[in-house]
Amino acid sequence: MSEHWQQVSFRLSGSLFVGSGKWGFVLPCRPYLPGWTLWGAFVILLKKSGRWSGCYGEIGQRLNQKCWLGHLFLQQEDGSLYLPAIDPKQGGKTVFDWRDRNNQVAAGLPPTLFRHGTVRSREQGQESLHRLFLTETVQPRKYRLTGILRCDSPPDELLHPGDALRVGGNRQVSGAEIVCETVASCSEEMRRKFLSYQHLRCNPADNASALNGELERIVLRRTRTENGSRADSNGRSGFGQHHVDWGLHLAPGWDGPEGQAYQPAKDKQNSFRHGTVEKV
């Protein structure tokens, strides 16, 4: 079965919030769009467009079997990308900067990409701080989201220029629409580059001294359990009530051995885990 690698780009049509966990009453926003968030948007697109048949659950499972979706990162008009890296001067903390094709820090003003707003939580009676991407009206056509995807099907069965995806948001912040601008064949250089900026699955057998980065446990919310039931063992049901634990990973920005190759990660059922990679 042949595999197709594509580089895709999207433009924002509104503010975008994708949380990275909760620190007390602070809900930080990721400065990139995770591949696992794209998965749900693609399921809706494939169902409503009629490109894939079946119910949402069947399409979601088929998408996991046939396609892998990588993280989307901000890109400027000059091609530089807003990417993470380990900063030894900050005690090994992961920081984001604009980087050119040679992975060198490029010109740009990262602070202007985000704005902060507070959303009062009625349940807790306290304010939660959100960081959101700037809207298209504030930074007209200057920034894009770009990344890679892999699919066993011909690319035109999955995504077309002009397709709109609804992503992000939570109970306090609405999601945003991103619109596909380009779908093009991905070069080997770009494929290797983007694969090195995904979440890296942690393997206890690996030599810990050969890897450097910030650990993150990936826990996702799903509507259905693995056996297809809408209720889990505790009787919980409904949208997003089932938790799926993908375990510990190194967050984007990790530093590994030079020359090491990586590939999209899969689970025990041979389904892709979007936005995550493992060693070849």
C-alpha atoms as a PDB file:
ATOM      1  CA  MET A   1       0.000   0.000   0.000  1.00  0.00           C
ATOM      2  CA  SER A   2       1.504   3.333  -1.073  1.00  0.00           C
ATOM      3  CA  GLU A   3       1.722   6.223   1.344  1.00  0.00           C
ATOM      4  CA  HIS A   4       1.239   9.867   0.426  1.00  0.00           C
ATOM      5  CA  TRP A   5       2.961  12.674   2.340  1.00  0.00           C
ATOM      6  CA  GLN A   6       1.468  16.150   1.959  1.00  0.00           C
ATOM      7  CA  GLN A   7       2.367  19.574   3.297  1.00  0.00           C
ATOM      8  CA  VAL A   8      -0.739  21.621   4.005  1.00  0.00           C
ATOM      9  CA  SER A   9      -1.358  25.229   4.986  1.00  0.00           C
ATOM     10  CA  PHE A  10      -4.390  26.945   6.512  1.00  0.00           C
ATOM     11  CA  ARG A  11      -5.384  30.525   7.207  1.00  0.00           C
ATOM     12  CA  LEU A  12      -7.153  31.618  10.370  1.00  0.00           C
ATOM     13  CA  SER A  13     -10.563  33.257  10.225  1.00  0.00           C
ATOM     14  CA  GLY A  14     -10.808  34.015  13.935  1.00  0.00           C
ATOM     15  CA  SER A  15      -9.181  33.654  17.361  1.00  0.00           C
ATOM     16  CA  LEU A  16      -8.071  30.133  18.173  1.00  0.00           C
ATOM     17  CA  PHE A  17      -7.722  28.535  21.603  1.00  0.00           C
ATOM     18  CA  VAL A  18      -6.284  25.046  22.123  1.00  0.00           C
ATOM     19  CA  GLY A  19      -5.534  24.321  25.761  1.00  0.00           C
ATOM     20  CA  SER A  20      -2.502  22.463  27.071  1.00  0.00           C
ATOM     21  CA  GLY A  21      -3.819  21.490  30.474  1.00  0.00           C
ATOM     22  CA  LYS A  22      -4.824  23.501  33.528  1.00  0.00           C
ATOM     23  CA  TRP A  23      -2.459  25.156  35.981  1.00  0.00           C
ATOM     24  CA  GLY A  24      -4.723  26.091  38.871  1.00  0.00           C
ATOM     25  CA  PHE A  25      -7.084  28.634  37.324  1.00  0.00           C
ATOM     26  CA  VAL A  26      -4.747  29.357  34.395  1.00  0.00           C
ATOM     27  CA  LEU A  27      -5.572  27.646  31.104  1.00  0.00           C
ATOM     28  CA  PRO A  28      -2.548  28.148  28.825  1.00  0.00           C
ATOM     29  CA  CYS A  29      -2.927  28.000  25.062  1.00  0.00           C
ATOM     30  CA  ARG A  30      -0.592  25.957  22.881  1.00  0.00           C
ATOM     31  CA  PRO A  31       1.284  28.043  20.287  1.00  0.00           C
ATOM     32  CA  TYR A  32       0.530  25.323  17.718  1.00  0.00           C
ATOM     33  CA  LEU A  33      -2.447  23.195  16.689  1.00  0.00           C
ATOM     34  CA  PRO A  34      -2.117  19.523  17.781  1.00  0.00           C
ATOM     35  CA  GLY A  35      -2.661  16.707  15.303  1.00  0.00           C
ATOM     36  CA  TRP A  36      -5.144  14.971  17.619  1.00  0.00           C
ATOM     37  CA  THR A  37      -7.303  18.104  17.578  1.00  0.00           C
ATOM     38  CA  LEU A  38      -7.296  18.047  13.766  1.00  0.00           C
ATOM     39  CA  TRP A  39      -8.588  14.461  13.832  1.00  0.00           C
ATOM     40  CA  GLY A  40     -12.063  15.435  15.064  1.00  0.00           C
ATOM     41  CA  ALA A  41     -12.307  18.286  12.559  1.00  0.00           C
ATOM     42  CA  PHE A  42     -11.349  15.957   9.708  1.00  0.00           C
ATOM     43  CA  VAL A  43     -13.966  13.389  10.755  1.00  0.00           C
ATOM     44  CA  ILE A  44     -16.684  16.056  10.520  1.00  0.00           C
ATOM     45  CA  LEU A  45     -15.332  17.306   7.173  1.00  0.00           C
ATOM     46  CA  LEU A  46     -15.216  13.825   5.615  1.00  0.00           C
ATOM     47  CA  LYS A  47     -18.732  13.013   6.843  1.00  0.00           C
ATOM     48  CA  LYS A  48     -20.424  16.260   5.804  1.00  0.00           C
ATOM     49  CA  SER A  49     -18.635  16.438   2.431  1.00  0.00           C
ATOM     50  CA  GLY A  50     -19.642  12.864   1.603  1.00  0.00           C
ATOM     51  CA  ARG A  51     -16.083  11.908   0.643  1.00  0.00           C
ATOM     52  CA  TRP A  52     -16.134   9.013   3.102  1.00  0.00           C
ATOM     53  CA  SER A  53     -19.248   6.988   3.883  1.00  0.00           C
ATOM     54  CA  GLY A  54     -20.414   5.641   7.227  1.00  0.00           C
ATOM     55  CA  CYS A  55     -21.287   7.109  10.611  1.00  0.00           C
ATOM     56  CA  TYR A  56     -18.945   9.439  12.481  1.00  0.00           C
ATOM     57  CA  GLY A  57     -17.526   6.601  14.592  1.00  0.00           C
ATOM     58  CA  GLU A  58     -16.749   4.458  11.545  1.00  0.00           C
ATOM     59  CA  ILE A  59     -15.117   7.357   9.715  1.00  0.00           C
ATOM     60  CA  GLY A  60     -13.047   8.208  12.796  1.00  0.00           C
ATOM     61  CA  GLN A  61     -11.751   4.641  13.092  1.00  0.00           C
ATOM     62  CA  ARG A  62     -10.995   4.478   9.365  1.00  0.00           C
ATOM     63  CA  LEU A  63      -9.153   7.797   9.568  1.00  0.00           C
ATOM     64  CA  ASN A  64      -7.010   6.417  12.403  1.00  0.00           C
ATOM     65  CA  GLN A  65      -6.153   3.391  10.270  1.00  0.00           C
ATOM     66  CA  LYS A  66      -5.404   5.188   7.006  1.00  0.00           C
ATOM     67  CA  CYS A  67      -4.064   8.637   7.950  1.00  0.00           C
ATOM     68  CA  TRP A  68      -1.706  10.353  10.338  1.00  0.00           C
ATOM     69  CA  LEU A  69      -2.154  14.067  11.087  1.00  0.00           C
ATOM     70  CA  GLY A  70       0.765  16.139  12.341  1.00  0.00           C
ATOM     71  CA  HIS A  71       0.821  19.336  14.397  1.00  0.00           C
ATOM     72  CA  LEU A  72       0.268  22.641  12.582  1.00  0.00           C
ATOM     73  CA  PHE A  73       2.716  25.473  13.301  1.00  0.00           C
ATOM     74  CA  LEU A  74       2.567  29.211  12.641  1.00  0.00           C
ATOM     75  CA  GLN A  75       4.383  30.398   9.511  1.00  0.00           C
ATOM     76  CA  GLN A  76       5.291  33.920   8.347  1.00  0.00           C
ATOM     77  CA  GLU A  77       5.228  35.193   4.779  1.00  0.00           C
ATOM     78  CA  ASP A  78       9.010  34.734   4.498  1.00  0.00           C
ATOM     79  CA  GLY A  79       8.647  31.020   5.268  1.00  0.00           C
ATOM     80  CA  SER A  80      10.034  31.132   8.807  1.00  0.00           C
ATOM     81  CA  LEU A  81       8.213  28.913  11.319  1.00  0.00           C
ATOM     82  CA  TYR A  82       7.352  29.472  14.979  1.00  0.00           C
ATOM     83  CA  LEU A  83       9.049  26.383  16.444  1.00  0.00           C
ATOM     84  CA  PRO A  84      10.167  25.167  19.889  1.00  0.00           C
ATOM     85  CA  ALA A  85      13.673  24.327  21.073  1.00  0.00           C
ATOM     86  CA  ILE A  86      15.460  23.597  24.338  1.00  0.00           C
ATOM     87  CA  ASP A  87      17.118  26.714  25.768  1.00  0.00           C
ATOM     88  CA  PRO A  88      20.109  25.827  28.000  1.00  0.00           C
ATOM     89  CA  LYS A  89      20.224  29.440  29.232  1.00  0.00           C
ATOM     90  CA  GLN A  90      16.770  28.957  30.776  1.00  0.00           C
ATOM     91  CA  GLY A  91      17.585  25.712  32.537  1.00  0.00           C
ATOM     92  CA  GLY A  92      16.513  23.462  29.685  1.00  0.00           C
ATOM     93  CA  LYS A  93      13.100  25.095  29.283  1.00  0.00           C
ATOM     94  CA  THR A  94      11.333  24.770  25.933  1.00  0.00           C
ATOM     95  CA  VAL A  95      10.911  28.135  24.200  1.00  0.00           C
ATOM     96  CA  PHE A  96       9.360  29.127  20.874  1.00  0.00           C
ATOM     97  CA  ASP A  97      11.071  31.368  18.316  1.00  0.00           C
ATOM     98  CA  TRP A  98      10.777  32.189  14.629  1.00  0.00           C
ATOM     99  CA  ARG A  99      13.221  29.911  12.794  1.00  0.00           C
ATOM    100  CA  ASP A 100      14.356  30.011   9.174  1.00  0.00           C
ATOM    101  CA  ARG A 101      15.007  27.103   6.803  1.00  0.00           C
ATOM    102  CA  ASN A 102      18.374  26.496   8.499  1.00  0.00           C
ATOM    103  CA  ASN A 103      16.654  26.325  11.892  1.00  0.00           C
ATOM    104  CA  GLN A 104      18.327  29.564  12.969  1.00  0.00           C
ATOM    105  CA  VAL A 105      16.395  32.159  14.972  1.00  0.00           C
ATOM    106  CA  ALA A 106      14.814  34.569  12.482  1.00  0.00           C
ATOM    107  CA  ALA A 107      13.315  38.041  12.681  1.00  0.00           C
ATOM    108  CA  GLY A 108       9.827  38.389  14.076  1.00  0.00           C
ATOM    109  CA  LEU A 109       7.846  39.575  17.051  1.00  0.00           C
ATOM    110  CA  PRO A 110       6.367  36.494  18.770  1.00  0.00           C
ATOM    111  CA  PRO A 111       4.625  38.505  21.560  1.00  0.00           C
ATOM    112  CA  THR A 112       2.452  40.255  18.977  1.00  0.00           C
ATOM    113  CA  LEU A 113       1.062  36.922  17.826  1.00  0.00           C
ATOM    114  CA  PHE A 114      -0.943  36.428  20.989  1.00  0.00           C
ATOM    115  CA  ARG A 115      -3.356  38.420  23.034  1.00  0.00           C
ATOM    116  CA  HIS A 116      -4.524  37.715  26.569  1.00  0.00           C
ATOM    117  CA  GLY A 117      -8.065  37.826  27.817  1.00  0.00           C
ATOM    118  CA  THR A 118      -9.808  36.713  30.974  1.00  0.00           C
ATOM    119  CA  VAL A 119     -12.907  34.568  31.005  1.00  0.00           C
ATOM    120  CA  ARG A 120     -14.788  34.289  34.279  1.00  0.00           C
ATOM    121  CA  SER A 121     -15.558  30.742  35.347  1.00  0.00           C
ATOM    122  CA  ARG A 122     -19.054  30.656  36.854  1.00  0.00           C
ATOM    123  CA  GLU A 123     -18.457  27.222  38.373  1.00  0.00           C
ATOM    124  CA  GLN A 124     -15.352  28.228  40.319  1.00  0.00           C
ATOM    125  CA  GLY A 125     -16.211  31.884  40.819  1.00  0.00           C
ATOM    126  CA  GLN A 126     -12.739  32.905  39.704  1.00  0.00           C
ATOM    127  CA  GLU A 127     -11.180  34.173  36.519  1.00  0.00           C
ATOM    128  CA  SER A 128      -9.309  31.908  34.103  1.00  0.00           C
ATOM    129  CA  LEU A 129      -6.579  33.365  31.913  1.00  0.00           C
ATOM    130  CA  HIS A 130      -6.534  32.342  28.256  1.00  0.00           C
ATOM    131  CA  ARG A 131      -3.971  32.997  25.578  1.00  0.00           C
ATOM    132  CA  LEU A 132      -5.455  33.166  22.094  1.00  0.00           C
ATOM    133  CA  PHE A 133      -4.125  33.484  18.592  1.00  0.00           C
ATOM    134  CA  LEU A 134      -4.696  36.875  17.022  1.00  0.00           C
ATOM    135  CA  THR A 135      -7.644  37.142  14.696  1.00  0.00           C
ATOM    136  CA  GLU A 136      -7.302  37.481  10.941  1.00  0.00           C
ATOM    137  CA  THR A 137      -8.550  41.070  11.188  1.00  0.00           C
ATOM    138  CA  VAL A 138      -5.651  42.023  13.478  1.00  0.00           C
ATOM    139  CA  GLN A 139      -2.916  40.357  11.420  1.00  0.00           C
ATOM    140  CA  PRO A 140      -4.476  40.180   7.930  1.00  0.00           C
ATOM    141  CA  ARG A 141      -3.038  37.368   5.810  1.00  0.00           C
ATOM    142  CA  LYS A 142       0.388  37.576   7.417  1.00  0.00           C
ATOM    143  CA  TYR A 143       0.445  34.282   9.297  1.00  0.00           C
ATOM    144  CA  ARG A 144      -0.561  30.743   8.362  1.00  0.00           C
ATOM    145  CA  LEU A 145      -0.731  27.371  10.053  1.00  0.00           C
ATOM    146  CA  THR A 146       1.277  24.699   8.244  1.00  0.00           C
ATOM    147  CA  GLY A 147       2.247  21.079   8.798  1.00  0.00           C
ATOM    148  CA  ILE A 148       2.292  17.616   7.256  1.00  0.00           C
ATOM    149  CA  LEU A 149      -0.037  14.636   6.990  1.00  0.00           C
ATOM    150  CA  ARG A 150       0.315  11.075   5.767  1.00  0.00           C
ATOM    151  CA  CYS A 151      -2.467   9.100   4.096  1.00  0.00           C
ATOM    152  CA  ASP A 152      -2.812   5.732   2.365  1.00  0.00           C
ATOM    153  CA  SER A 153      -5.607   7.147   0.202  1.00  0.00           C
ATOM    154  CA  PRO A 154      -5.062   9.623  -2.658  1.00  0.00           C
ATOM    155  CA  PRO A 155      -4.702  13.084  -1.086  1.00  0.00           C
ATOM    156  CA  ASP A 156      -7.763  14.506  -2.865  1.00  0.00           C
ATOM    157  CA  GLU A 157      -9.983  12.068  -0.944  1.00  0.00           C
ATOM    158  CA  LEU A 158      -9.023  13.764   2.314  1.00  0.00           C
ATOM    159  CA  LEU A 159      -8.555  17.504   1.871  1.00  0.00           C
ATOM    160  CA  HIS A 160      -9.168  20.168  -0.799  1.00  0.00           C
ATOM    161  CA  PRO A 161      -8.098  23.832  -0.917  1.00  0.00           C
ATOM    162  CA  GLY A 162     -11.051  25.858   0.372  1.00  0.00           C
ATOM    163  CA  ASP A 163     -12.128  23.237   2.917  1.00  0.00           C
ATOM    164  CA  ALA A 164     -12.990  24.758   6.302  1.00  0.00           C
ATOM    165  CA  LEU A 165     -12.291  23.003   9.610  1.00  0.00           C
ATOM    166  CA  ARG A 166     -13.723  24.012  12.987  1.00  0.00           C
ATOM    167  CA  VAL A 167     -11.109  23.537  15.707  1.00  0.00           C
ATOM    168  CA  GLY A 168     -10.253  24.477  19.288  1.00  0.00           C
ATOM    169  CA  GLY A 169     -12.318  26.104  21.976  1.00  0.00           C
ATOM    170  CA  ASN A 170     -13.789  24.961  25.281  1.00  0.00           C
ATOM    171  CA  ARG A 171     -16.758  25.837  27.476  1.00  0.00           C
ATOM    172  CA  GLN A 172     -15.572  29.427  27.943  1.00  0.00           C
ATOM    173  CA  VAL A 173     -13.914  30.125  24.566  1.00  0.00           C
ATOM    174  CA  SER A 174     -15.499  29.329  21.214  1.00  0.00           C
ATOM    175  CA  GLY A 175     -13.598  27.467  18.514  1.00  0.00           C
ATOM    176  CA  ALA A 176     -12.291  28.990  15.304  1.00  0.00           C
ATOM    177  CA  GLU A 177     -12.435  28.167  11.630  1.00  0.00           C
ATOM    178  CA  ILE A 178      -9.291  27.455   9.628  1.00  0.00           C
ATOM    179  CA  VAL A 179      -9.493  27.306   5.838  1.00  0.00           C
ATOM    180  CA  CYS A 180      -7.189  25.153   3.715  1.00  0.00           C
ATOM    181  CA  GLU A 181      -5.130  27.166   1.241  1.00  0.00           C
ATOM    182  CA  THR A 182      -2.645  24.641  -0.178  1.00  0.00           C
ATOM    183  CA  VAL A 183      -2.188  20.882  -0.365  1.00  0.00           C
ATOM    184  CA  ALA A 184       1.137  19.906  -1.954  1.00  0.00           C
ATOM    185  CA  SER A 185       3.545  16.976  -2.063  1.00  0.00           C
ATOM    186  CA  CYS A 186       5.955  17.078   0.865  1.00  0.00           C
ATOM    187  CA  SER A 187       9.699  16.929   0.267  1.00  0.00           C
ATOM    188  CA  GLU A 188      11.845  14.490   2.223  1.00  0.00           C
ATOM    189  CA  GLU A 189      13.558  17.427   3.929  1.00  0.00           C
ATOM    190  CA  MET A 190      10.301  18.939   5.175  1.00  0.00           C
ATOM    191  CA  ARG A 191       8.918  15.547   6.193  1.00  0.00           C
ATOM    192  CA  ARG A 192      11.930  14.842   8.407  1.00  0.00           C
ATOM    193  CA  LYS A 193      11.821  18.376   9.794  1.00  0.00           C
ATOM    194  CA  PHE A 194       8.142  18.326  10.787  1.00  0.00           C
ATOM    195  CA  LEU A 195       8.406  14.793  12.203  1.00  0.00           C
ATOM    196  CA  SER A 196      11.090  16.068  14.583  1.00  0.00           C
ATOM    197  CA  TYR A 197       8.623  18.636  16.001  1.00  0.00           C
ATOM    198  CA  GLN A 198       5.891  16.206  17.068  1.00  0.00           C
ATOM    199  CA  HIS A 199       5.375  14.638  20.492  1.00  0.00           C
ATOM    200  CA  LEU A 200       7.889  11.802  20.926  1.00  0.00           C
ATOM    201  CA  ARG A 201       6.617   8.645  22.627  1.00  0.00           C
ATOM    202  CA  CYS A 202       8.697   7.782  25.679  1.00  0.00           C
ATOM    203  CA  ASN A 203      10.108   4.268  25.705  1.00  0.00           C
ATOM    204  CA  PRO A 204      11.464   3.072  29.085  1.00  0.00           C
ATOM    205  CA  ALA A 205      14.062   1.050  27.186  1.00  0.00           C
ATOM    206  CA  ASP A 206      15.581   4.180  25.655  1.00  0.00           C
ATOM    207  CA  ASN A 207      18.752   5.696  27.026  1.00  0.00           C
ATOM    208  CA  ALA A 208      17.417   8.696  28.933  1.00  0.00           C
ATOM    209  CA  SER A 209      20.718  10.552  28.528  1.00  0.00           C
ATOM    210  CA  ALA A 210      20.262  10.539  24.722  1.00  0.00           C
ATOM    211  CA  LEU A 211      17.036  12.572  24.892  1.00  0.00           C
ATOM    212  CA  ASN A 212      16.349  16.003  26.299  1.00  0.00           C
ATOM    213  CA  GLY A 213      12.997  17.760  26.607  1.00  0.00           C
ATOM    214  CA  GLU A 214       9.899  18.491  28.672  1.00  0.00           C
ATOM    215  CA  LEU A 215       7.643  15.577  29.586  1.00  0.00           C
ATOM    216  CA  GLU A 216       3.911  15.725  28.898  1.00  0.00           C
ATOM    217  CA  ARG A 217       1.255  13.094  29.509  1.00  0.00           C
ATOM    218  CA  ILE A 218      -1.270  13.056  26.673  1.00  0.00           C
ATOM    219  CA  VAL A 219      -4.825  12.386  27.893  1.00  0.00           C
ATOM    220  CA  LEU A 220      -7.589  12.929  25.342  1.00  0.00           C
ATOM    221  CA  ARG A 221     -11.364  13.116  25.628  1.00  0.00           C
ATOM    222  CA  ARG A 222     -13.494  10.914  23.405  1.00  0.00           C
ATOM    223  CA  THR A 223     -17.246  10.365  23.137  1.00  0.00           C
ATOM    224  CA  ARG A 224     -17.083   6.605  22.636  1.00  0.00           C
ATOM    225  CA  THR A 225     -15.054   3.961  24.432  1.00  0.00           C
ATOM    226  CA  GLU A 226     -12.799   1.535  22.568  1.00  0.00           C
ATOM    227  CA  ASN A 227     -15.575  -1.072  22.352  1.00  0.00           C
ATOM    228  CA  GLY A 228     -17.901   1.448  20.683  1.00  0.00           C
ATOM    229  CA  SER A 229     -20.183   1.991  23.676  1.00  0.00           C
ATOM    230  CA  ARG A 230     -21.180   5.530  24.624  1.00  0.00           C
ATOM    231  CA  ALA A 231     -20.764   4.713  28.311  1.00  0.00           C
ATOM    232  CA  ASP A 232     -17.570   3.699  30.107  1.00  0.00           C
ATOM    233  CA  SER A 233     -17.200   1.253  33.024  1.00  0.00           C
ATOM    234  CA  ASN A 234     -18.363   3.964  35.440  1.00  0.00           C
ATOM    235  CA  GLY A 235     -21.528   4.661  33.467  1.00  0.00           C
ATOM    236  CA  ARG A 236     -20.351   8.019  32.135  1.00  0.00           C
ATOM    237  CA  SER A 237     -21.649   8.859  28.696  1.00  0.00           C
ATOM    238  CA  GLY A 238     -22.022  11.783  26.363  1.00  0.00           C
ATOM    239  CA  PHE A 239     -19.653  14.043  24.453  1.00  0.00           C
ATOM    240  CA  GLY A 240     -16.042  13.965  25.659  1.00  0.00           C
ATOM    241  CA  GLN A 241     -16.752  11.841  28.740  1.00  0.00           C
ATOM    242  CA  HIS A 242     -14.308   9.040  27.932  1.00  0.00           C
ATOM    243  CA  HIS A 243     -10.625   9.628  28.641  1.00  0.00           C
ATOM    244  CA  VAL A 244      -7.908   8.036  26.485  1.00  0.00           C
ATOM    245  CA  ASP A 245      -4.429   7.947  28.018  1.00  0.00           C
ATOM    246  CA  TRP A 246      -1.584   7.872  25.490  1.00  0.00           C
ATOM    247  CA  GLY A 247       1.047   7.993  28.222  1.00  0.00           C
ATOM    248  CA  LEU A 248       4.199  10.062  28.614  1.00  0.00           C
ATOM    249  CA  HIS A 249       5.762  11.882  25.683  1.00  0.00           C
ATOM    250  CA  LEU A 250       8.458  14.473  25.136  1.00  0.00           C
ATOM    251  CA  ALA A 251       6.758  17.710  24.074  1.00  0.00           C
ATOM    252  CA  PRO A 252       7.781  19.408  20.796  1.00  0.00           C
ATOM    253  CA  GLY A 253      11.221  20.969  21.123  1.00  0.00           C
ATOM    254  CA  TRP A 254      12.905  17.786  22.402  1.00  0.00           C
ATOM    255  CA  ASP A 255      16.467  17.097  21.332  1.00  0.00           C
ATOM    256  CA  GLY A 256      17.465  13.616  20.197  1.00  0.00           C
ATOM    257  CA  PRO A 257      20.535  11.871  18.748  1.00  0.00           C
ATOM    258  CA  GLU A 258      21.764  13.309  15.447  1.00  0.00           C
ATOM    259  CA  GLY A 259      20.787  11.197  12.445  1.00  0.00           C
ATOM    260  CA  GLN A 260      17.968   9.356  14.242  1.00  0.00           C
ATOM    261  CA  ALA A 261      14.902   8.807  12.029  1.00  0.00           C
ATOM    262  CA  TYR A 262      11.311   9.001  13.307  1.00  0.00           C
ATOM    263  CA  GLN A 263       7.948   7.766  12.069  1.00  0.00           C
ATOM    264  CA  PRO A 264       4.278   8.292  13.001  1.00  0.00           C
ATOM    265  CA  ALA A 265       3.409   6.392  16.172  1.00  0.00           C
ATOM    266  CA  LYS A 266       0.737   3.669  16.302  1.00  0.00           C
ATOM    267  CA  ASP A 267      -1.131   1.926  19.105  1.00  0.00           C
ATOM    268  CA  LYS A 268      -1.533  -1.827  19.676  1.00  0.00           C
ATOM    269  CA  GLN A 269      -4.493  -1.903  17.262  1.00  0.00           C
ATOM    270  CA  ASN A 270      -2.243  -0.469  14.525  1.00  0.00           C
ATOM    271  CA  SER A 271      -4.097   2.848  14.596  1.00  0.00           C
ATOM    272  CA  PHE A 272      -2.176   6.091  14.182  1.00  0.00           C
ATOM    273  CA  ARG A 273      -1.723   8.391  17.143  1.00  0.00           C
ATOM    274  CA  HIS A 274      -1.926  11.800  15.540  1.00  0.00           C
ATOM    275  CA  GLY A 275       0.732  14.338  16.444  1.00  0.00           C
ATOM    276  CA  THR A 276       3.044  11.708  17.955  1.00  0.00           C
ATOM    277  CA  VAL A 277       6.114   9.914  16.612  1.00  0.00           C
ATOM    278  CA  GLU A 278       8.432   7.092  17.619  1.00  0.00           C
ATOM    279  CA  LYS A 279      11.914   5.982  16.642  1.00  0.00           C
ATOM    280  CA  VAL A 280      12.224   3.968  13.444  1.00  0.00           C
END
